[in-house]
Amino acid sequence: MIQSLHDLIDKLTSGDIPTGTMGAIGIILFLFAVKAGKGFIKLVFVVLALAAFAGAVCWHLHKQGKL
């Protein structure tokens, strides 16, 4: 059971699925920031979106062997 779960996680993280997912989450968070009111909530959504984009770039560069 544990080995098959480990194999599933390895398959999911082997391709560009995490990169695309984090990029999509970043876009969605930016859209929430645009629709959000003003102040602290907007800032939180922008910071989370930037973190998602940074994670996507980091993952992509790591998979390319450039990090």
C-alpha atoms as a PDB file:
ATOM      1  CA  MET A   1       0.000   0.000   0.000  1.00  0.00           C
ATOM      2  CA  ILE A   2       2.716   2.472   0.993  1.00  0.00           C
ATOM      3  CA  GLN A   3       4.830   1.591  -2.047  1.00  0.00           C
ATOM      4  CA  SER A   4       1.930   2.109  -4.465  1.00  0.00           C
ATOM      5  CA  LEU A   5       1.179   5.482  -2.864  1.00  0.00           C
ATOM      6  CA  HIS A   6       4.836   6.414  -3.231  1.00  0.00           C
ATOM      7  CA  ASP A   7       4.750   5.344  -6.900  1.00  0.00           C
ATOM      8  CA  LEU A   8       1.631   7.453  -7.487  1.00  0.00           C
ATOM      9  CA  ILE A   9       3.278  10.518  -5.958  1.00  0.00           C
ATOM     10  CA  ASP A  10       6.396   9.942  -8.073  1.00  0.00           C
ATOM     11  CA  LYS A  11       4.283   9.727 -11.249  1.00  0.00           C
ATOM     12  CA  LEU A  12       2.380  12.910 -10.421  1.00  0.00           C
ATOM     13  CA  THR A  13       5.506  14.910  -9.672  1.00  0.00           C
ATOM     14  CA  SER A  14       7.601  13.570 -12.555  1.00  0.00           C
ATOM     15  CA  GLY A  15       6.132  15.779 -15.256  1.00  0.00           C
ATOM     16  CA  ASP A  16       5.023  19.345 -15.545  1.00  0.00           C
ATOM     17  CA  ILE A  17       1.784  18.811 -13.607  1.00  0.00           C
ATOM     18  CA  PRO A  18       3.015  20.712 -10.514  1.00  0.00           C
ATOM     19  CA  THR A  19       4.307  23.565 -12.682  1.00  0.00           C
ATOM     20  CA  GLY A  20       1.022  23.956 -14.529  1.00  0.00           C
ATOM     21  CA  THR A  21      -1.026  23.575 -11.377  1.00  0.00           C
ATOM     22  CA  MET A  22       0.929  26.203  -9.459  1.00  0.00           C
ATOM     23  CA  GLY A  23       0.768  28.548 -12.444  1.00  0.00           C
ATOM     24  CA  ALA A  24      -3.008  28.094 -12.697  1.00  0.00           C
ATOM     25  CA  ILE A  25      -3.385  28.681  -8.963  1.00  0.00           C
ATOM     26  CA  GLY A  26      -1.337  31.863  -9.321  1.00  0.00           C
ATOM     27  CA  ILE A  27      -3.621  33.118 -12.096  1.00  0.00           C
ATOM     28  CA  ILE A  28      -6.732  32.306 -10.048  1.00  0.00           C
ATOM     29  CA  LEU A  29      -5.315  34.088  -7.011  1.00  0.00           C
ATOM     30  CA  PHE A  30      -4.532  37.162  -9.114  1.00  0.00           C
ATOM     31  CA  LEU A  31      -8.130  37.143 -10.365  1.00  0.00           C
ATOM     32  CA  PHE A  32      -9.337  36.953  -6.755  1.00  0.00           C
ATOM     33  CA  ALA A  33      -7.065  39.891  -5.926  1.00  0.00           C
ATOM     34  CA  VAL A  34      -8.585  41.941  -8.734  1.00  0.00           C
ATOM     35  CA  LYS A  35     -12.118  41.132  -7.561  1.00  0.00           C
ATOM     36  CA  ALA A  36     -11.311  41.532  -3.875  1.00  0.00           C
ATOM     37  CA  GLY A  37     -12.058  44.735  -2.087  1.00  0.00           C
ATOM     38  CA  LYS A  38      -9.193  46.845  -0.964  1.00  0.00           C
ATOM     39  CA  GLY A  39      -6.616  46.644   1.697  1.00  0.00           C
ATOM     40  CA  PHE A  40      -5.179  43.629   3.442  1.00  0.00           C
ATOM     41  CA  ILE A  41      -7.162  40.897   1.624  1.00  0.00           C
ATOM     42  CA  LYS A  42      -6.003  42.153  -1.771  1.00  0.00           C
ATOM     43  CA  LEU A  43      -2.417  42.202  -0.534  1.00  0.00           C
ATOM     44  CA  VAL A  44      -2.744  38.625   0.763  1.00  0.00           C
ATOM     45  CA  PHE A  45      -4.055  37.350  -2.592  1.00  0.00           C
ATOM     46  CA  VAL A  46      -1.273  39.112  -4.503  1.00  0.00           C
ATOM     47  CA  VAL A  47       1.422  37.710  -2.203  1.00  0.00           C
ATOM     48  CA  LEU A  48      -0.035  34.188  -2.469  1.00  0.00           C
ATOM     49  CA  ALA A  49      -0.207  34.478  -6.266  1.00  0.00           C
ATOM     50  CA  LEU A  50       3.421  35.589  -6.445  1.00  0.00           C
ATOM     51  CA  ALA A  51       4.409  32.695  -4.180  1.00  0.00           C
ATOM     52  CA  ALA A  52       2.584  30.248  -6.478  1.00  0.00           C
ATOM     53  CA  PHE A  53       4.350  31.662  -9.536  1.00  0.00           C
ATOM     54  CA  ALA A  54       7.718  31.505  -7.784  1.00  0.00           C
ATOM     55  CA  GLY A  55       7.042  27.889  -6.824  1.00  0.00           C
ATOM     56  CA  ALA A  56       6.139  27.032 -10.415  1.00  0.00           C
ATOM     57  CA  VAL A  57       9.330  28.614 -11.739  1.00  0.00           C
ATOM     58  CA  CYS A  58      11.435  26.917  -9.075  1.00  0.00           C
ATOM     59  CA  TRP A  59       9.859  23.513  -9.812  1.00  0.00           C
ATOM     60  CA  HIS A  60      10.349  23.956 -13.562  1.00  0.00           C
ATOM     61  CA  LEU A  61      14.005  24.933 -13.192  1.00  0.00           C
ATOM     62  CA  HIS A  62      14.586  22.069 -10.760  1.00  0.00           C
ATOM     63  CA  LYS A  63      13.123  19.557 -13.207  1.00  0.00           C
ATOM     64  CA  GLN A  64      15.266  21.001 -16.007  1.00  0.00           C
ATOM     65  CA  GLY A  65      18.366  20.512 -13.845  1.00  0.00           C
ATOM     66  CA  LYS A  66      19.221  24.198 -13.815  1.00  0.00           C
ATOM     67  CA  LEU A  67      18.989  24.623 -10.058  1.00  0.00           C
END
